C-alpha atoms as a PDB file:
ATOM      1  CA  UNK A   1     -18.768  12.313   5.427  1.00  0.00           C
ATOM      2  CA  UNK A   2     -16.189  10.070   3.825  1.00  0.00           C
ATOM      3  CA  UNK A   3     -15.779   6.343   4.237  1.00  0.00           C
ATOM      4  CA  UNK A   4     -13.899   6.037   7.552  1.00  0.00           C
ATOM      5  CA  UNK A   5     -13.326   2.275   7.444  1.00  0.00           C
ATOM      6  CA  UNK A   6     -12.788  -0.007   4.487  1.00  0.00           C
ATOM      7  CA  UNK A   7     -10.493  -3.008   4.290  1.00  0.00           C
ATOM      8  CA  UNK A   8      -8.666  -5.080   1.717  1.00  0.00           C
ATOM      9  CA  UNK A   9      -6.527  -8.193   1.813  1.00  0.00           C
ATOM     10  CA  UNK A  10      -2.900  -7.658   0.806  1.00  0.00           C
ATOM     11  CA  UNK A  11      -1.165 -10.152  -1.512  1.00  0.00           C
ATOM     12  CA  UNK A  12       0.576 -11.670   1.541  1.00  0.00           C
ATOM     13  CA  UNK A  13      -2.754 -12.232   3.312  1.00  0.00           C
ATOM     14  CA  UNK A  14      -2.878  -9.333   5.781  1.00  0.00           C
ATOM     15  CA  UNK A  15      -5.849  -7.040   6.376  1.00  0.00           C
ATOM     16  CA  UNK A  16      -5.179  -3.416   5.454  1.00  0.00           C
ATOM     17  CA  UNK A  17      -7.653  -0.820   6.751  1.00  0.00           C
ATOM     18  CA  UNK A  18      -8.178   2.460   4.916  1.00  0.00           C
ATOM     19  CA  UNK A  19     -10.493   5.461   4.585  1.00  0.00           C
ATOM     20  CA  UNK A  20     -11.573   7.608   1.646  1.00  0.00           C
ATOM     21  CA  UNK A  21     -12.249  11.349   1.940  1.00  0.00           C
ATOM     22  CA  UNK A  22     -13.220  14.089  -0.506  1.00  0.00           C
ATOM     23  CA  UNK A  23     -14.293  13.669  -4.120  1.00  0.00           C
ATOM     24  CA  UNK A  24     -14.288   9.978  -5.172  1.00  0.00           C
ATOM     25  CA  UNK A  25     -13.737  11.132  -8.761  1.00  0.00           C
ATOM     26  CA  UNK A  26     -11.028  13.640  -7.833  1.00  0.00           C
ATOM     27  CA  UNK A  27      -7.269  13.391  -8.248  1.00  0.00           C
ATOM     28  CA  UNK A  28      -6.126  10.498  -6.033  1.00  0.00           C
ATOM     29  CA  UNK A  29      -3.720  11.257  -3.186  1.00  0.00           C
ATOM     30  CA  UNK A  30      -2.529   8.571  -0.793  1.00  0.00           C
ATOM     31  CA  UNK A  31      -1.675  10.237   2.519  1.00  0.00           C
ATOM     32  CA  UNK A  32       0.678   8.342   4.858  1.00  0.00           C
ATOM     33  CA  UNK A  33       0.254   9.163   8.545  1.00  0.00           C
ATOM     34  CA  UNK A  34       2.957   9.983  11.070  1.00  0.00           C
ATOM     35  CA  UNK A  35       4.299   8.044  14.058  1.00  0.00           C
ATOM     36  CA  UNK A  36       2.073   7.141  15.782  1.00  0.00           C
ATOM     37  CA  UNK A  37      -1.040   7.581  13.680  1.00  0.00           C
ATOM     38  CA  UNK A  38      -3.862   5.936  11.763  1.00  0.00           C
ATOM     39  CA  UNK A  39      -6.308   6.446   8.925  1.00  0.00           C
ATOM     40  CA  UNK A  40      -8.369   8.929  10.984  1.00  0.00           C
ATOM     41  CA  UNK A  41      -5.547  11.491  10.948  1.00  0.00           C
ATOM     42  CA  UNK A  42      -7.054  13.807   8.333  1.00  0.00           C
ATOM     43  CA  UNK A  43      -8.436  17.347   8.375  1.00  0.00           C
ATOM     44  CA  UNK A  44     -11.879  17.182  10.043  1.00  0.00           C
ATOM     45  CA  UNK A  45     -13.446  19.724   7.671  1.00  0.00           C
ATOM     46  CA  UNK A  46     -13.640  17.035   5.062  1.00  0.00           C
ATOM     47  CA  UNK A  47     -15.290  19.189   2.393  1.00  0.00           C
ATOM     48  CA  UNK A  48     -11.874  20.815   1.991  1.00  0.00           C
ATOM     49  CA  UNK A  49     -10.724  17.779  -0.002  1.00  0.00           C
ATOM     50  CA  UNK A  50     -13.769  17.887  -2.274  1.00  0.00           C
ATOM     51  CA  UNK A  51     -13.314  21.645  -2.759  1.00  0.00           C
ATOM     52  CA  UNK A  52      -9.744  20.954  -3.866  1.00  0.00           C
ATOM     53  CA  UNK A  53     -10.924  18.294  -6.321  1.00  0.00           C
ATOM     54  CA  UNK A  54      -9.004  15.459  -4.686  1.00  0.00           C
ATOM     55  CA  UNK A  55      -9.786  11.981  -3.421  1.00  0.00           C
ATOM     56  CA  UNK A  56      -7.679  11.685  -0.270  1.00  0.00           C
ATOM     57  CA  UNK A  57      -7.045   8.127   0.917  1.00  0.00           C
ATOM     58  CA  UNK A  58      -5.548   7.363   4.318  1.00  0.00           C
ATOM     59  CA  UNK A  59      -4.707   3.946   5.723  1.00  0.00           C
ATOM     60  CA  UNK A  60      -3.549   2.293   8.909  1.00  0.00           C
ATOM     61  CA  UNK A  61       0.084   1.370   8.332  1.00  0.00           C
ATOM     62  CA  UNK A  62       0.760  -2.270   9.233  1.00  0.00           C
ATOM     63  CA  UNK A  63       0.174  -2.836  12.966  1.00  0.00           C
ATOM     64  CA  UNK A  64      -1.817   0.353  13.514  1.00  0.00           C
ATOM     65  CA  UNK A  65      -5.575   0.577  13.925  1.00  0.00           C
ATOM     66  CA  UNK A  66      -7.374  -2.202  12.084  1.00  0.00           C
ATOM     67  CA  UNK A  67      -4.418  -3.259   9.897  1.00  0.00           C
ATOM     68  CA  UNK A  68      -2.624  -6.498  10.663  1.00  0.00           C
ATOM     69  CA  UNK A  69       0.929  -6.236  11.874  1.00  0.00           C
ATOM     70  CA  UNK A  70       3.840  -7.030   9.569  1.00  0.00           C
ATOM     71  CA  UNK A  71       6.576  -8.048  12.013  1.00  0.00           C
ATOM     72  CA  UNK A  72      10.056  -6.914  11.086  1.00  0.00           C
ATOM     73  CA  UNK A  73       8.850  -4.591   8.356  1.00  0.00           C
ATOM     74  CA  UNK A  74      11.209  -2.062   6.831  1.00  0.00           C
ATOM     75  CA  UNK A  75      10.330   1.346   5.432  1.00  0.00           C
ATOM     76  CA  UNK A  76      10.443  -0.095   1.916  1.00  0.00           C
ATOM     77  CA  UNK A  77       7.753  -2.665   2.783  1.00  0.00           C
ATOM     78  CA  UNK A  78       5.124   0.098   2.812  1.00  0.00           C
ATOM     79  CA  UNK A  79       5.451   0.268  -0.976  1.00  0.00           C
ATOM     80  CA  UNK A  80       3.661  -3.065  -1.490  1.00  0.00           C
ATOM     81  CA  UNK A  81       0.766  -1.927   0.727  1.00  0.00           C
ATOM     82  CA  UNK A  82       0.438   1.360  -1.158  1.00  0.00           C
ATOM     83  CA  UNK A  83       0.464  -0.528  -4.461  1.00  0.00           C
ATOM     84  CA  UNK A  84      -2.232  -2.906  -3.176  1.00  0.00           C
ATOM     85  CA  UNK A  85      -4.347   0.032  -2.014  1.00  0.00           C
ATOM     86  CA  UNK A  86      -4.006   1.841  -5.343  1.00  0.00           C
ATOM     87  CA  UNK A  87      -4.917  -1.359  -7.190  1.00  0.00           C
ATOM     88  CA  UNK A  88      -7.969  -1.877  -4.967  1.00  0.00           C
ATOM     89  CA  UNK A  89      -9.224   1.630  -5.747  1.00  0.00           C
ATOM     90  CA  UNK A  90      -8.333   1.543  -9.432  1.00  0.00           C
ATOM     91  CA  UNK A  91      -5.720   4.303  -9.222  1.00  0.00           C
ATOM     92  CA  UNK A  92      -3.270   3.974 -12.092  1.00  0.00           C
ATOM     93  CA  UNK A  93      -1.453   7.236 -11.357  1.00  0.00           C
ATOM     94  CA  UNK A  94      -1.603   9.089  -8.042  1.00  0.00           C
ATOM     95  CA  UNK A  95       0.215  11.381  -5.632  1.00  0.00           C
ATOM     96  CA  UNK A  96       1.728  10.314  -2.323  1.00  0.00           C
ATOM     97  CA  UNK A  97       2.151  12.507   0.743  1.00  0.00           C
ATOM     98  CA  UNK A  98       3.778  11.498   4.024  1.00  0.00           C
ATOM     99  CA  UNK A  99       4.237  13.505   7.204  1.00  0.00           C
ATOM    100  CA  UNK A 100       6.786  12.948   9.974  1.00  0.00           C
ATOM    101  CA  UNK A 101       7.251   9.165  10.291  1.00  0.00           C
ATOM    102  CA  UNK A 102       5.225   8.822   7.100  1.00  0.00           C
ATOM    103  CA  UNK A 103       7.769  10.895   5.189  1.00  0.00           C
ATOM    104  CA  UNK A 104      10.316   8.102   4.587  1.00  0.00           C
ATOM    105  CA  UNK A 105       7.481   5.802   3.496  1.00  0.00           C
ATOM    106  CA  UNK A 106       6.308   8.366   0.943  1.00  0.00           C
ATOM    107  CA  UNK A 107       9.866   8.666  -0.358  1.00  0.00           C
ATOM    108  CA  UNK A 108      10.013   4.868  -0.698  1.00  0.00           C
ATOM    109  CA  UNK A 109       6.933   4.996  -2.929  1.00  0.00           C
ATOM    110  CA  UNK A 110       8.482   7.791  -4.983  1.00  0.00           C
ATOM    111  CA  UNK A 111      11.657   5.749  -5.413  1.00  0.00           C
ATOM    112  CA  UNK A 112      10.096   2.391  -6.244  1.00  0.00           C
ATOM    113  CA  UNK A 113       6.792   3.231  -7.951  1.00  0.00           C
ATOM    114  CA  UNK A 114       7.869   5.815 -10.552  1.00  0.00           C
ATOM    115  CA  UNK A 115       5.383   4.365 -13.025  1.00  0.00           C
ATOM    116  CA  UNK A 116       2.494   4.996 -10.612  1.00  0.00           C
ATOM    117  CA  UNK A 117       3.493   7.968  -8.415  1.00  0.00           C
ATOM    118  CA  UNK A 118       3.131  11.273 -10.262  1.00  0.00           C
ATOM    119  CA  UNK A 119       4.615  13.445  -7.512  1.00  0.00           C
ATOM    120  CA  UNK A 120       5.293  13.144  -3.774  1.00  0.00           C
ATOM    121  CA  UNK A 121       5.404  15.269  -0.628  1.00  0.00           C
ATOM    122  CA  UNK A 122       7.706  14.615   2.324  1.00  0.00           C
ATOM    123  CA  UNK A 123       6.465  16.865   5.136  1.00  0.00           C
ATOM    124  CA  UNK A 124       8.709  17.194   8.233  1.00  0.00           C
ATOM    125  CA  UNK A 125      10.057  13.724   7.446  1.00  0.00           C
ATOM    126  CA  UNK A 126      13.057  12.153   9.126  1.00  0.00           C
ATOM    127  CA  UNK A 127      16.349  11.544   7.334  1.00  0.00           C
ATOM    128  CA  UNK A 128      18.034   8.122   7.281  1.00  0.00           C
ATOM    129  CA  UNK A 129      20.200   7.220  10.275  1.00  0.00           C
ATOM    130  CA  UNK A 130      23.738   6.285   9.288  1.00  0.00           C
ATOM    131  CA  UNK A 131      25.096   5.868   5.775  1.00  0.00           C
ATOM    132  CA  UNK A 132      23.881   7.352   3.485  1.00  0.00           C
ATOM    133  CA  UNK A 133      22.119   9.673   5.977  1.00  0.00           C
ATOM    134  CA  UNK A 134      23.041  11.462   9.181  1.00  0.00           C
ATOM    135  CA  UNK A 135      25.321  10.039  11.838  1.00  0.00           C
ATOM    136  CA  UNK A 136      23.625   9.424  15.184  1.00  0.00           C
ATOM    137  CA  UNK A 137      24.764  12.600  16.952  1.00  0.00           C
ATOM    138  CA  UNK A 138      23.600  14.759  14.042  1.00  0.00           C
ATOM    139  CA  UNK A 139      20.380  12.761  13.677  1.00  0.00           C
ATOM    140  CA  UNK A 140      19.440  13.404  17.327  1.00  0.00           C
ATOM    141  CA  UNK A 141      20.754  16.983  17.540  1.00  0.00           C
ATOM    142  CA  UNK A 142      18.007  19.482  18.275  1.00  0.00           C
ATOM    143  CA  UNK A 143      15.430  16.855  19.265  1.00  0.00           C
ATOM    144  CA  UNK A 144      13.491  17.307  22.478  1.00  0.00           C
ATOM    145  CA  UNK A 145      14.773  14.970  25.241  1.00  0.00           C
ATOM    146  CA  UNK A 146      11.437  13.087  25.204  1.00  0.00           C
ATOM    147  CA  UNK A 147      12.008  12.201  21.556  1.00  0.00           C
ATOM    148  CA  UNK A 148      15.628  11.260  22.177  1.00  0.00           C
ATOM    149  CA  UNK A 149      14.464   8.986  24.984  1.00  0.00           C
ATOM    150  CA  UNK A 150      12.021   7.183  22.688  1.00  0.00           C
ATOM    151  CA  UNK A 151      14.696   6.445  20.121  1.00  0.00           C
ATOM    152  CA  UNK A 152      16.953   5.262  22.946  1.00  0.00           C
ATOM    153  CA  UNK A 153      14.305   2.665  23.771  1.00  0.00           C
ATOM    154  CA  UNK A 154      14.279   1.607  20.123  1.00  0.00           C
ATOM    155  CA  UNK A 155      18.048   1.211  20.091  1.00  0.00           C
ATOM    156  CA  UNK A 156      17.744  -0.904  23.260  1.00  0.00           C
ATOM    157  CA  UNK A 157      15.550  -3.390  21.405  1.00  0.00           C
ATOM    158  CA  UNK A 158      11.974  -4.323  20.647  1.00  0.00           C
ATOM    159  CA  UNK A 159      11.096  -5.602  24.121  1.00  0.00           C
ATOM    160  CA  UNK A 160      12.164  -2.393  25.849  1.00  0.00           C
ATOM    161  CA  UNK A 161      10.530  -0.245  23.178  1.00  0.00           C
ATOM    162  CA  UNK A 162       7.203  -2.101  23.333  1.00  0.00           C
ATOM    163  CA  UNK A 163       7.030  -1.855  27.120  1.00  0.00           C
ATOM    164  CA  UNK A 164       7.796   1.856  27.189  1.00  0.00           C
ATOM    165  CA  UNK A 165       5.479   2.741  24.313  1.00  0.00           C
ATOM    166  CA  UNK A 166       2.628   0.867  25.953  1.00  0.00           C
ATOM    167  CA  UNK A 167       3.112   3.004  29.057  1.00  0.00           C
ATOM    168  CA  UNK A 168       3.284   6.134  26.912  1.00  0.00           C
ATOM    169  CA  UNK A 169       0.121   5.141  25.057  1.00  0.00           C
ATOM    170  CA  UNK A 170      -1.722   4.706  28.348  1.00  0.00           C
ATOM    171  CA  UNK A 171      -0.590   8.183  29.407  1.00  0.00           C
ATOM    172  CA  UNK A 172      -1.694   9.650  26.069  1.00  0.00           C
ATOM    173  CA  UNK A 173      -5.138   8.108  26.410  1.00  0.00           C
ATOM    174  CA  UNK A 174      -5.548   9.461  29.928  1.00  0.00           C
ATOM    175  CA  UNK A 175      -4.601  12.964  28.760  1.00  0.00           C
ATOM    176  CA  UNK A 176      -6.847  12.845  25.684  1.00  0.00           C
ATOM    177  CA  UNK A 177      -9.841  11.895  27.818  1.00  0.00           C
ATOM    178  CA  UNK A 178      -9.333  15.122  29.781  1.00  0.00           C
ATOM    179  CA  UNK A 179      -7.779  17.595  27.322  1.00  0.00           C
ATOM    180  CA  UNK A 180      -6.240  16.439  24.019  1.00  0.00           C
ATOM    181  CA  UNK A 181      -4.213  19.647  23.707  1.00  0.00           C
ATOM    182  CA  UNK A 182      -2.050  18.482  26.642  1.00  0.00           C
ATOM    183  CA  UNK A 183      -0.993  15.209  25.011  1.00  0.00           C
ATOM    184  CA  UNK A 184       2.557  16.478  24.477  1.00  0.00           C
ATOM    185  CA  UNK A 185       2.806  18.561  27.631  1.00  0.00           C
ATOM    186  CA  UNK A 186       6.209  17.072  28.533  1.00  0.00           C
ATOM    187  CA  UNK A 187       7.763  18.265  25.285  1.00  0.00           C
ATOM    188  CA  UNK A 188       9.380  21.705  25.081  1.00  0.00           C
ATOM    189  CA  UNK A 189       7.617  22.637  21.842  1.00  0.00           C
ATOM    190  CA  UNK A 190       7.723  25.873  19.910  1.00  0.00           C
ATOM    191  CA  UNK A 191       4.955  28.420  20.399  1.00  0.00           C
ATOM    192  CA  UNK A 192       3.801  27.573  16.882  1.00  0.00           C
ATOM    193  CA  UNK A 193       3.255  23.903  17.739  1.00  0.00           C
ATOM    194  CA  UNK A 194       1.485  24.739  21.009  1.00  0.00           C
ATOM    195  CA  UNK A 195      -0.905  26.965  19.077  1.00  0.00           C
ATOM    196  CA  UNK A 196      -1.546  24.213  16.536  1.00  0.00           C
ATOM    197  CA  UNK A 197      -2.313  21.653  19.257  1.00  0.00           C
ATOM    198  CA  UNK A 198      -4.936  24.009  20.693  1.00  0.00           C
ATOM    199  CA  UNK A 199      -6.870  24.238  17.403  1.00  0.00           C
ATOM    200  CA  UNK A 200     -10.362  22.706  17.720  1.00  0.00           C
ATOM    201  CA  UNK A 201      -9.694  20.617  14.626  1.00  0.00           C
ATOM    202  CA  UNK A 202      -6.503  19.195  16.132  1.00  0.00           C
ATOM    203  CA  UNK A 203      -8.350  18.415  19.354  1.00  0.00           C
ATOM    204  CA  UNK A 204     -10.916  16.488  17.303  1.00  0.00           C
ATOM    205  CA  UNK A 205      -8.221  14.594  15.392  1.00  0.00           C
ATOM    206  CA  UNK A 206      -6.553  13.536  18.640  1.00  0.00           C
ATOM    207  CA  UNK A 207      -9.858  12.493  20.224  1.00  0.00           C
ATOM    208  CA  UNK A 208     -10.671  10.272  17.248  1.00  0.00           C
ATOM    209  CA  UNK A 209      -7.249   8.859  16.420  1.00  0.00           C
ATOM    210  CA  UNK A 210      -5.359   8.368  19.700  1.00  0.00           C
ATOM    211  CA  UNK A 211      -7.400   5.365  20.812  1.00  0.00           C
ATOM    212  CA  UNK A 212      -7.804   4.010  17.289  1.00  0.00           C
ATOM    213  CA  UNK A 213      -4.108   3.818  16.382  1.00  0.00           C
ATOM    214  CA  UNK A 214      -3.528   1.453  19.330  1.00  0.00           C
ATOM    215  CA  UNK A 215      -6.877  -0.354  19.301  1.00  0.00           C
ATOM    216  CA  UNK A 216      -4.941  -3.619  18.854  1.00  0.00           C
ATOM    217  CA  UNK A 217      -1.821  -2.569  20.752  1.00  0.00           C
ATOM    218  CA  UNK A 218       1.271  -0.509  19.984  1.00  0.00           C
ATOM    219  CA  UNK A 219       2.802  -2.893  17.442  1.00  0.00           C
ATOM    220  CA  UNK A 220       2.586  -0.423  14.580  1.00  0.00           C
ATOM    221  CA  UNK A 221       4.299   2.274  16.612  1.00  0.00           C
ATOM    222  CA  UNK A 222       7.021  -0.157  17.681  1.00  0.00           C
ATOM    223  CA  UNK A 223       7.613  -1.253  14.102  1.00  0.00           C
ATOM    224  CA  UNK A 224       7.699   2.347  12.809  1.00  0.00           C
ATOM    225  CA  UNK A 225      10.368   3.361  15.315  1.00  0.00           C
ATOM    226  CA  UNK A 226      12.485   0.313  14.537  1.00  0.00           C
ATOM    227  CA  UNK A 227      12.068   0.730  10.786  1.00  0.00           C
ATOM    228  CA  UNK A 228      13.258   4.336  10.562  1.00  0.00           C
ATOM    229  CA  UNK A 229      16.405   3.504  12.546  1.00  0.00           C
ATOM    230  CA  UNK A 230      17.355   0.613  10.248  1.00  0.00           C
ATOM    231  CA  UNK A 231      18.415   0.779   6.587  1.00  0.00           C
ATOM    232  CA  UNK A 232      15.299   1.847   4.704  1.00  0.00           C
ATOM    233  CA  UNK A 233      15.725  -0.592   1.804  1.00  0.00           C
ATOM    234  CA  UNK A 234      16.121   2.076  -0.883  1.00  0.00           C
ATOM    235  CA  UNK A 235      18.357   5.057  -1.589  1.00  0.00           C
ATOM    236  CA  UNK A 236      16.690   8.503  -1.727  1.00  0.00           C
ATOM    237  CA  UNK A 237      19.221   9.363  -4.434  1.00  0.00           C
ATOM    238  CA  UNK A 238      17.376   6.960  -6.738  1.00  0.00           C
ATOM    239  CA  UNK A 239      14.140   8.996  -6.669  1.00  0.00           C
ATOM    240  CA  UNK A 240      13.246  10.204 -10.154  1.00  0.00           C
ATOM    241  CA  UNK A 241       9.739  11.644  -9.650  1.00  0.00           C
ATOM    242  CA  UNK A 242       9.230  15.252  -8.475  1.00  0.00           C
ATOM    243  CA  UNK A 243       9.209  15.654  -4.679  1.00  0.00           C
ATOM    244  CA  UNK A 244       8.244  18.552  -2.433  1.00  0.00           C
ATOM    245  CA  UNK A 245      10.242  18.568   0.822  1.00  0.00           C
ATOM    246  CA  UNK A 246       8.738  20.692   3.609  1.00  0.00           C
ATOM    247  CA  UNK A 247      10.126  21.430   7.057  1.00  0.00           C
ATOM    248  CA  UNK A 248       9.873  23.957   9.884  1.00  0.00           C
ATOM    249  CA  UNK A 249      12.772  25.718  11.561  1.00  0.00           C
ATOM    250  CA  UNK A 250      11.350  25.418  15.112  1.00  0.00           C
ATOM    251  CA  UNK A 251      10.630  21.665  14.943  1.00  0.00           C
ATOM    252  CA  UNK A 252      11.919  19.761  18.004  1.00  0.00           C
ATOM    253  CA  UNK A 253      10.449  16.411  16.906  1.00  0.00           C
ATOM    254  CA  UNK A 254      12.196  16.235  13.523  1.00  0.00           C
ATOM    255  CA  UNK A 255      14.741  19.067  13.617  1.00  0.00           C
ATOM    256  CA  UNK A 256      15.519  21.081  10.479  1.00  0.00           C
ATOM    257  CA  UNK A 257      18.806  19.201  10.025  1.00  0.00           C
ATOM    258  CA  UNK A 258      16.705  16.314   8.707  1.00  0.00           C
ATOM    259  CA  UNK A 259      14.907  18.512   6.204  1.00  0.00           C
ATOM    260  CA  UNK A 260      18.200  20.011   5.117  1.00  0.00           C
ATOM    261  CA  UNK A 261      19.625  16.531   4.477  1.00  0.00           C
ATOM    262  CA  UNK A 262      16.587  15.482   2.474  1.00  0.00           C
ATOM    263  CA  UNK A 263      16.662  18.731   0.505  1.00  0.00           C
ATOM    264  CA  UNK A 264      20.277  18.054  -0.414  1.00  0.00           C
ATOM    265  CA  UNK A 265      19.822  14.368  -1.248  1.00  0.00           C
ATOM    266  CA  UNK A 266      16.440  13.966  -2.962  1.00  0.00           C
ATOM    267  CA  UNK A 267      17.300  14.727  -6.601  1.00  0.00           C
ATOM    268  CA  UNK A 268      15.781  17.901  -7.994  1.00  0.00           C
ATOM    269  CA  UNK A 269      13.343  18.353  -5.133  1.00  0.00           C
ATOM    270  CA  UNK A 270      11.323  21.476  -4.429  1.00  0.00           C
ATOM    271  CA  UNK A 271      11.915  22.807  -0.904  1.00  0.00           C
ATOM    272  CA  UNK A 272       9.494  24.800   1.263  1.00  0.00           C
ATOM    273  CA  UNK A 273      10.849  26.026   4.607  1.00  0.00           C
ATOM    274  CA  UNK A 274       8.722  27.736   7.240  1.00  0.00           C
ATOM    275  CA  UNK A 275      10.944  29.845   9.477  1.00  0.00           C
ATOM    276  CA  UNK A 276       8.413  30.086  12.328  1.00  0.00           C
ATOM    277  CA  UNK A 277       6.597  26.746  12.169  1.00  0.00           C
ATOM    278  CA  UNK A 278       7.461  23.615  14.077  1.00  0.00           C
ATOM    279  CA  UNK A 279       6.369  20.038  13.475  1.00  0.00           C
ATOM    280  CA  UNK A 280       2.662  20.766  13.005  1.00  0.00           C
ATOM    281  CA  UNK A 281       2.905  23.527  10.416  1.00  0.00           C
ATOM    282  CA  UNK A 282       1.240  26.918  10.723  1.00  0.00           C
ATOM    283  CA  UNK A 283      -1.881  26.971   8.533  1.00  0.00           C
ATOM    284  CA  UNK A 284      -3.175  23.427   7.956  1.00  0.00           C
ATOM    285  CA  UNK A 285      -5.820  24.246   5.359  1.00  0.00           C
ATOM    286  CA  UNK A 286      -3.396  26.319   3.306  1.00  0.00           C
ATOM    287  CA  UNK A 287      -0.732  23.616   3.539  1.00  0.00           C
ATOM    288  CA  UNK A 288      -3.179  20.867   2.520  1.00  0.00           C
ATOM    289  CA  UNK A 289      -4.212  23.012  -0.440  1.00  0.00           C
ATOM    290  CA  UNK A 290      -0.586  23.654  -1.421  1.00  0.00           C
ATOM    291  CA  UNK A 291       0.192  19.947  -1.241  1.00  0.00           C
ATOM    292  CA  UNK A 292      -2.891  19.104  -3.310  1.00  0.00           C
ATOM    293  CA  UNK A 293      -1.957  21.623  -6.024  1.00  0.00           C
ATOM    294  CA  UNK A 294       1.602  20.295  -6.094  1.00  0.00           C
ATOM    295  CA  UNK A 295       0.569  16.642  -6.277  1.00  0.00           C
ATOM    296  CA  UNK A 296      -2.210  17.087  -8.824  1.00  0.00           C
ATOM    297  CA  UNK A 297      -0.807  19.810 -11.071  1.00  0.00           C
ATOM    298  CA  UNK A 298       2.848  20.332 -10.155  1.00  0.00           C
ATOM    299  CA  UNK A 299       2.224  23.853  -8.845  1.00  0.00           C
ATOM    300  CA  UNK A 300       4.918  24.587  -6.260  1.00  0.00           C
ATOM    301  CA  UNK A 301       3.967  26.549  -3.108  1.00  0.00           C
ATOM    302  CA  UNK A 302       4.783  30.239  -2.983  1.00  0.00           C
ATOM    303  CA  UNK A 303       8.180  30.809  -1.441  1.00  0.00           C
ATOM    304  CA  UNK A 304       9.534  27.386  -2.330  1.00  0.00           C
ATOM    305  CA  UNK A 305      12.693  26.823  -4.282  1.00  0.00           C
ATOM    306  CA  UNK A 306      14.312  24.130  -6.361  1.00  0.00           C
ATOM    307  CA  UNK A 307      17.257  22.709  -4.499  1.00  0.00           C
ATOM    308  CA  UNK A 308      20.630  22.916  -6.135  1.00  0.00           C
ATOM    309  CA  UNK A 309      24.083  22.149  -4.711  1.00  0.00           C
ATOM    310  CA  UNK A 310      24.864  25.867  -4.654  1.00  0.00           C
ATOM    311  CA  UNK A 311      21.911  26.425  -2.302  1.00  0.00           C
ATOM    312  CA  UNK A 312      23.128  23.869   0.236  1.00  0.00           C
END
């Protein structure tokens, strides 16, 4: 069993909660959770990380779980927390991986910590909204109506968003108490994602994390939604470290248009597309292993390609 709860004080005086899994002496990987999420979103068969020779560190992004909120934070503000966490653990050089809403935050670390981040993974991450990213219609195209509705609340303002997310969180908790696999029953997901949600490991993750990410309210979720819709505070075109961009063609949470934009705009990135998978991937243990090999040794997954303008 790893260390499921440790804390540090950030330079600006906030508490940051984190967890350490796998081999403490292994290659360090900082894994940034999605939206919503928390430090407990990790693969439950924790020996996988040790078998891969990695020390996987997760943390509660500001406002989630046991981490203090950072009101008005932008995507770029995650970089200071990642730096503080790496300093606390004595990581000079490390990999960063972010999934879904964690994807932009991982890219921020790649852009602004090139002296510390060896390589990065952006897994089903969203693209920027507006210049230099996708215009609103393209950004929302292909999203399930439930997702579109959530971002509509965010565009309506923090008060509306907080009220609606609190109601959604209450519904999530009620569903998880009965059957975690039904947590997204209102979303018209792909068959791939429905199969992933039914995995016993995913059921365990949801049981452990759903209550924890909102243990002190939905502030982290609110701030994540607002942050991804605002200017991120950095330009993905400035990234100089190697990045693996992954996305699935049947994703209705972050449609493939986002992955395509990132593939075309993150310089020199490696791209892995799964034609059948949705937002949750298709083989979690294989994908974790592929990410670990990429981050630690620069070994690209089978079937990936280096993006070039001609491949756009």
